[in-house]
Amino acid sequence: MNVMDESIKLWATERGLHKADPQAQMLKVTEEVGEVAGALARNDIDAVKEEIGDVLVTLIILSMQLNINIDDCKRAAYMKIKHRKGKMINGVYVKEEDLHD
C-alpha cells in the first residue's frame, strides 16, 4: 500500500468511516462515479481528475469496511484481465467472449 492510501485510511479511521455501513458507502461510490461522468460531459479535465480521486477514496474506504486489502483487489482485477483479448468497438474495449460476429 502506498503512502497516499495510508493517509486516506488514517483520515477515514479518524472519522469512524472504517466502521460505517458498506451499503451506504457503495452509494457514495456510485455518487462519485456519476460525478466523473458529469465532469467528462462538461469536458472539465481538472474536475475529472478530482472526481476519479474521489472514486478511489470511496473504494479504499469500502475495502476497509469489508476488511479487504485494496491491493489484493487491484491484484485480483489485474490477474483477471492480464491475458484478456478483445477489440475496440466505437471507442469501447469489448472482451473477446462478449464479441458477437
N, C-alpha and C. Protein backbone atom coordinates (compact mmCIF):
# COMPACT_ATOMS: atom_id res chain seq x y z
N MET A 1 0.86 -1.17 0.00
CA MET A 1 0.00 0.00 0.00
C MET A 1 0.90 1.23 0.00
N ASN A 2 0.53 2.22 -0.79
CA ASN A 2 1.36 3.42 -0.87
C ASN A 2 1.01 4.43 0.21
N VAL A 3 1.82 5.46 0.32
CA VAL A 3 1.66 6.47 1.36
C VAL A 3 0.31 7.18 1.26
N MET A 4 -0.12 7.49 0.06
CA MET A 4 -1.40 8.17 -0.11
C MET A 4 -2.56 7.29 0.37
N ASP A 5 -2.52 6.01 0.03
CA ASP A 5 -3.56 5.09 0.50
C ASP A 5 -3.58 5.05 2.03
N GLU A 6 -2.42 5.01 2.63
CA GLU A 6 -2.33 5.00 4.10
C GLU A 6 -2.90 6.29 4.69
N SER A 7 -2.62 7.42 4.04
CA SER A 7 -3.17 8.70 4.50
C SER A 7 -4.69 8.71 4.43
N ILE A 8 -5.23 8.16 3.36
CA ILE A 8 -6.68 8.06 3.19
C ILE A 8 -7.28 7.17 4.27
N LYS A 9 -6.64 6.04 4.54
CA LYS A 9 -7.13 5.13 5.57
C LYS A 9 -7.10 5.79 6.95
N LEU A 10 -6.06 6.52 7.24
CA LEU A 10 -5.98 7.22 8.52
C LEU A 10 -7.09 8.26 8.63
N TRP A 11 -7.28 9.04 7.57
CA TRP A 11 -8.34 10.05 7.53
C TRP A 11 -9.69 9.41 7.80
N ALA A 12 -9.96 8.28 7.13
CA ALA A 12 -11.24 7.59 7.28
C ALA A 12 -11.40 7.04 8.70
N THR A 13 -10.34 6.48 9.23
CA THR A 13 -10.39 5.90 10.57
C THR A 13 -10.65 6.98 11.61
N GLU A 14 -9.99 8.13 11.47
CA GLU A 14 -10.18 9.23 12.41
C GLU A 14 -11.63 9.71 12.44
N ARG A 15 -12.36 9.48 11.36
CA ARG A 15 -13.74 9.92 11.25
C ARG A 15 -14.74 8.78 11.46
N GLY A 16 -14.22 7.60 11.78
CA GLY A 16 -15.09 6.46 12.03
C GLY A 16 -15.69 5.83 10.78
N LEU A 17 -15.23 6.24 9.61
CA LEU A 17 -15.79 5.72 8.37
C LEU A 17 -15.46 4.25 8.15
N HIS A 18 -14.36 3.80 8.71
CA HIS A 18 -13.95 2.41 8.52
C HIS A 18 -14.93 1.42 9.15
N LYS A 19 -15.78 1.90 10.06
CA LYS A 19 -16.76 1.04 10.72
C LYS A 19 -18.19 1.36 10.28
N ALA A 20 -18.33 2.21 9.28
CA ALA A 20 -19.66 2.59 8.81
C ALA A 20 -20.24 1.48 7.92
N ASP A 21 -21.47 1.68 7.49
CA ASP A 21 -22.21 0.70 6.70
C ASP A 21 -21.68 0.61 5.26
N PRO A 22 -21.18 -0.56 4.85
CA PRO A 22 -20.69 -0.71 3.48
C PRO A 22 -21.75 -0.45 2.42
N GLN A 23 -23.02 -0.75 2.72
CA GLN A 23 -24.10 -0.49 1.76
C GLN A 23 -24.20 1.01 1.48
N ALA A 24 -24.12 1.81 2.55
CA ALA A 24 -24.17 3.26 2.39
C ALA A 24 -22.93 3.76 1.66
N GLN A 25 -21.80 3.13 1.94
CA GLN A 25 -20.56 3.54 1.27
C GLN A 25 -20.63 3.25 -0.22
N MET A 26 -21.27 2.14 -0.58
CA MET A 26 -21.42 1.82 -2.00
C MET A 26 -22.25 2.88 -2.71
N LEU A 27 -23.24 3.42 -2.04
CA LEU A 27 -24.00 4.53 -2.62
C LEU A 27 -23.09 5.72 -2.87
N LYS A 28 -22.16 5.97 -1.94
CA LYS A 28 -21.22 7.07 -2.10
C LYS A 28 -20.29 6.81 -3.29
N VAL A 29 -19.85 5.57 -3.45
CA VAL A 29 -19.02 5.22 -4.61
C VAL A 29 -19.77 5.55 -5.89
N THR A 30 -21.02 5.13 -5.96
CA THR A 30 -21.85 5.36 -7.14
C THR A 30 -22.04 6.85 -7.41
N GLU A 31 -22.27 7.60 -6.35
CA GLU A 31 -22.41 9.06 -6.49
C GLU A 31 -21.15 9.66 -7.11
N GLU A 32 -20.00 9.23 -6.61
CA GLU A 32 -18.73 9.78 -7.11
C GLU A 32 -18.49 9.38 -8.57
N VAL A 33 -18.87 8.16 -8.94
CA VAL A 33 -18.73 7.74 -10.34
C VAL A 33 -19.60 8.64 -11.23
N GLY A 34 -20.78 8.97 -10.77
CA GLY A 34 -21.65 9.89 -11.51
C GLY A 34 -21.01 11.26 -11.68
N GLU A 35 -20.28 11.70 -10.67
CA GLU A 35 -19.60 12.99 -10.77
C GLU A 35 -18.47 12.96 -11.79
N VAL A 36 -17.83 11.79 -11.94
CA VAL A 36 -16.82 11.64 -13.01
C VAL A 36 -17.51 11.82 -14.36
N ALA A 37 -18.65 11.16 -14.52
CA ALA A 37 -19.40 11.26 -15.79
C ALA A 37 -19.80 12.70 -16.07
N GLY A 38 -20.25 13.42 -15.05
CA GLY A 38 -20.64 14.81 -15.23
C GLY A 38 -19.47 15.68 -15.65
N ALA A 39 -18.33 15.46 -15.02
CA ALA A 39 -17.13 16.24 -15.38
C ALA A 39 -16.69 15.93 -16.80
N LEU A 40 -16.78 14.66 -17.20
CA LEU A 40 -16.46 14.29 -18.59
C LEU A 40 -17.40 14.97 -19.56
N ALA A 41 -18.68 14.99 -19.22
CA ALA A 41 -19.69 15.60 -20.09
C ALA A 41 -19.40 17.09 -20.29
N ARG A 42 -18.86 17.72 -19.26
CA ARG A 42 -18.51 19.15 -19.34
C ARG A 42 -17.11 19.37 -19.93
N ASN A 43 -16.41 18.26 -20.20
CA ASN A 43 -15.04 18.31 -20.70
C ASN A 43 -14.13 19.09 -19.75
N ASP A 44 -14.37 18.92 -18.45
CA ASP A 44 -13.60 19.60 -17.40
C ASP A 44 -12.58 18.61 -16.84
N ILE A 45 -11.41 18.57 -17.47
CA ILE A 45 -10.39 17.57 -17.13
C ILE A 45 -9.90 17.73 -15.70
N ASP A 46 -9.79 18.96 -15.21
CA ASP A 46 -9.38 19.14 -13.81
C ASP A 46 -10.39 18.51 -12.86
N ALA A 47 -11.68 18.69 -13.15
CA ALA A 47 -12.72 18.09 -12.32
C ALA A 47 -12.71 16.57 -12.47
N VAL A 48 -12.45 16.06 -13.68
CA VAL A 48 -12.37 14.61 -13.89
C VAL A 48 -11.28 14.03 -12.98
N LYS A 49 -10.15 14.68 -12.96
CA LYS A 49 -9.04 14.22 -12.12
C LYS A 49 -9.45 14.15 -10.65
N GLU A 50 -10.08 15.20 -10.17
CA GLU A 50 -10.52 15.24 -8.78
C GLU A 50 -11.58 14.18 -8.50
N GLU A 51 -12.52 14.02 -9.42
CA GLU A 51 -13.61 13.07 -9.20
C GLU A 51 -13.12 11.63 -9.27
N ILE A 52 -12.17 11.33 -10.15
CA ILE A 52 -11.57 9.99 -10.15
C ILE A 52 -10.91 9.73 -8.81
N GLY A 53 -10.24 10.72 -8.28
CA GLY A 53 -9.64 10.60 -6.95
C GLY A 53 -10.69 10.31 -5.90
N ASP A 54 -11.83 10.99 -5.98
CA ASP A 54 -12.92 10.75 -5.03
C ASP A 54 -13.43 9.30 -5.13
N VAL A 55 -13.51 8.78 -6.36
CA VAL A 55 -13.93 7.39 -6.54
C VAL A 55 -12.94 6.46 -5.83
N LEU A 56 -11.65 6.71 -6.04
CA LEU A 56 -10.64 5.87 -5.40
C LEU A 56 -10.72 5.94 -3.88
N VAL A 57 -10.92 7.14 -3.34
CA VAL A 57 -11.05 7.30 -1.90
C VAL A 57 -12.24 6.50 -1.38
N THR A 58 -13.37 6.60 -2.04
CA THR A 58 -14.56 5.89 -1.57
C THR A 58 -14.38 4.38 -1.66
N LEU A 59 -13.64 3.91 -2.67
CA LEU A 59 -13.37 2.48 -2.79
C LEU A 59 -12.40 1.99 -1.71
N ILE A 60 -11.42 2.79 -1.39
CA ILE A 60 -10.50 2.43 -0.31
C ILE A 60 -11.27 2.30 1.00
N ILE A 61 -12.16 3.25 1.26
CA ILE A 61 -12.96 3.20 2.48
C ILE A 61 -13.88 1.98 2.47
N LEU A 62 -14.49 1.68 1.34
CA LEU A 62 -15.34 0.49 1.23
C LEU A 62 -14.53 -0.76 1.53
N SER A 63 -13.33 -0.85 0.99
CA SER A 63 -12.49 -2.03 1.25
C SER A 63 -12.16 -2.14 2.73
N MET A 64 -11.95 -1.01 3.40
CA MET A 64 -11.71 -1.03 4.85
C MET A 64 -12.91 -1.59 5.59
N GLN A 65 -14.09 -1.11 5.22
CA GLN A 65 -15.33 -1.54 5.88
C GLN A 65 -15.56 -3.04 5.72
N LEU A 66 -15.12 -3.58 4.61
CA LEU A 66 -15.30 -5.01 4.32
C LEU A 66 -14.10 -5.85 4.74
N ASN A 67 -13.10 -5.16 5.33
CA ASN A 67 -11.87 -5.82 5.77
C ASN A 67 -11.19 -6.57 4.61
N ILE A 68 -11.13 -5.88 3.47
CA ILE A 68 -10.48 -6.40 2.28
C ILE A 68 -9.32 -5.46 1.94
N ASN A 69 -8.17 -6.03 1.67
CA ASN A 69 -7.00 -5.23 1.31
C ASN A 69 -7.17 -4.70 -0.12
N ILE A 70 -7.09 -3.38 -0.27
CA ILE A 70 -7.31 -2.76 -1.59
C ILE A 70 -6.27 -3.23 -2.62
N ASP A 71 -5.05 -3.50 -2.16
CA ASP A 71 -4.03 -4.00 -3.09
C ASP A 71 -4.39 -5.40 -3.58
N ASP A 72 -5.01 -6.20 -2.71
CA ASP A 72 -5.48 -7.52 -3.13
C ASP A 72 -6.57 -7.39 -4.19
N CYS A 73 -7.41 -6.37 -4.05
CA CYS A 73 -8.46 -6.11 -5.05
C CYS A 73 -7.84 -5.77 -6.40
N LYS A 74 -6.85 -4.87 -6.37
CA LYS A 74 -6.19 -4.49 -7.62
C LYS A 74 -5.47 -5.67 -8.25
N ARG A 75 -4.82 -6.48 -7.42
CA ARG A 75 -4.11 -7.65 -7.91
C ARG A 75 -5.09 -8.64 -8.54
N ALA A 76 -6.20 -8.90 -7.88
CA ALA A 76 -7.20 -9.84 -8.40
C ALA A 76 -7.76 -9.35 -9.74
N ALA A 77 -8.01 -8.05 -9.83
CA ALA A 77 -8.53 -7.49 -11.08
C ALA A 77 -7.51 -7.64 -12.21
N TYR A 78 -6.25 -7.36 -11.89
CA TYR A 78 -5.21 -7.49 -12.92
C TYR A 78 -5.07 -8.94 -13.37
N MET A 79 -5.09 -9.86 -12.41
CA MET A 79 -4.96 -11.27 -12.76
C MET A 79 -6.11 -11.71 -13.68
N LYS A 80 -7.27 -11.11 -13.50
CA LYS A 80 -8.42 -11.44 -14.33
C LYS A 80 -8.26 -10.90 -15.76
N ILE A 81 -7.63 -9.74 -15.90
CA ILE A 81 -7.56 -9.10 -17.23
C ILE A 81 -6.24 -9.28 -17.96
N LYS A 82 -5.21 -9.73 -17.27
CA LYS A 82 -3.87 -9.68 -17.87
C LYS A 82 -3.73 -10.42 -19.18
N HIS A 83 -4.49 -11.46 -19.40
CA HIS A 83 -4.40 -12.20 -20.67
C HIS A 83 -5.65 -11.99 -21.53
N ARG A 84 -6.49 -11.06 -21.13
CA ARG A 84 -7.74 -10.83 -21.83
C ARG A 84 -7.47 -10.32 -23.25
N LYS A 85 -8.24 -10.83 -24.17
CA LYS A 85 -8.18 -10.38 -25.56
C LYS A 85 -9.53 -9.79 -25.92
N GLY A 86 -9.51 -8.93 -26.89
CA GLY A 86 -10.73 -8.29 -27.35
C GLY A 86 -10.40 -7.26 -28.40
N LYS A 87 -11.33 -6.33 -28.61
CA LYS A 87 -11.05 -5.27 -29.58
C LYS A 87 -11.87 -4.03 -29.24
N MET A 88 -11.43 -2.92 -29.79
CA MET A 88 -12.12 -1.65 -29.61
C MET A 88 -13.29 -1.58 -30.59
N ILE A 89 -14.46 -1.24 -30.07
CA ILE A 89 -15.64 -1.02 -30.89
C ILE A 89 -16.25 0.30 -30.46
N ASN A 90 -16.29 1.25 -31.38
CA ASN A 90 -16.82 2.59 -31.09
C ASN A 90 -16.19 3.20 -29.83
N GLY A 91 -14.88 3.00 -29.69
CA GLY A 91 -14.15 3.60 -28.58
C GLY A 91 -14.25 2.85 -27.26
N VAL A 92 -14.86 1.67 -27.26
CA VAL A 92 -15.02 0.86 -26.05
C VAL A 92 -14.33 -0.48 -26.27
N TYR A 93 -13.50 -0.90 -25.30
CA TYR A 93 -12.85 -2.20 -25.39
C TYR A 93 -13.86 -3.27 -25.01
N VAL A 94 -14.08 -4.21 -25.92
CA VAL A 94 -15.02 -5.31 -25.70
C VAL A 94 -14.21 -6.59 -25.61
N LYS A 95 -14.36 -7.29 -24.47
CA LYS A 95 -13.59 -8.53 -24.29
C LYS A 95 -14.08 -9.59 -25.28
N GLU A 96 -13.15 -10.44 -25.65
CA GLU A 96 -13.37 -11.44 -26.70
C GLU A 96 -14.66 -12.25 -26.49
N GLU A 97 -14.91 -12.69 -25.27
CA GLU A 97 -16.09 -13.54 -25.05
C GLU A 97 -17.41 -12.80 -25.22
N ASP A 98 -17.35 -11.45 -25.24
CA ASP A 98 -18.56 -10.66 -25.44
C ASP A 98 -18.74 -10.22 -26.89
N LEU A 99 -17.78 -10.57 -27.74
CA LEU A 99 -17.89 -10.21 -29.16
C LEU A 99 -18.86 -11.15 -29.85
N HIS A 100 -19.77 -10.57 -30.58
CA HIS A 100 -20.74 -11.36 -31.35
C HIS A 100 -20.58 -10.97 -32.80
N ASP A 101 -20.13 -11.91 -33.59
CA ASP A 101 -19.88 -11.62 -35.03
C ASP A 101 -21.14 -11.63 -35.83
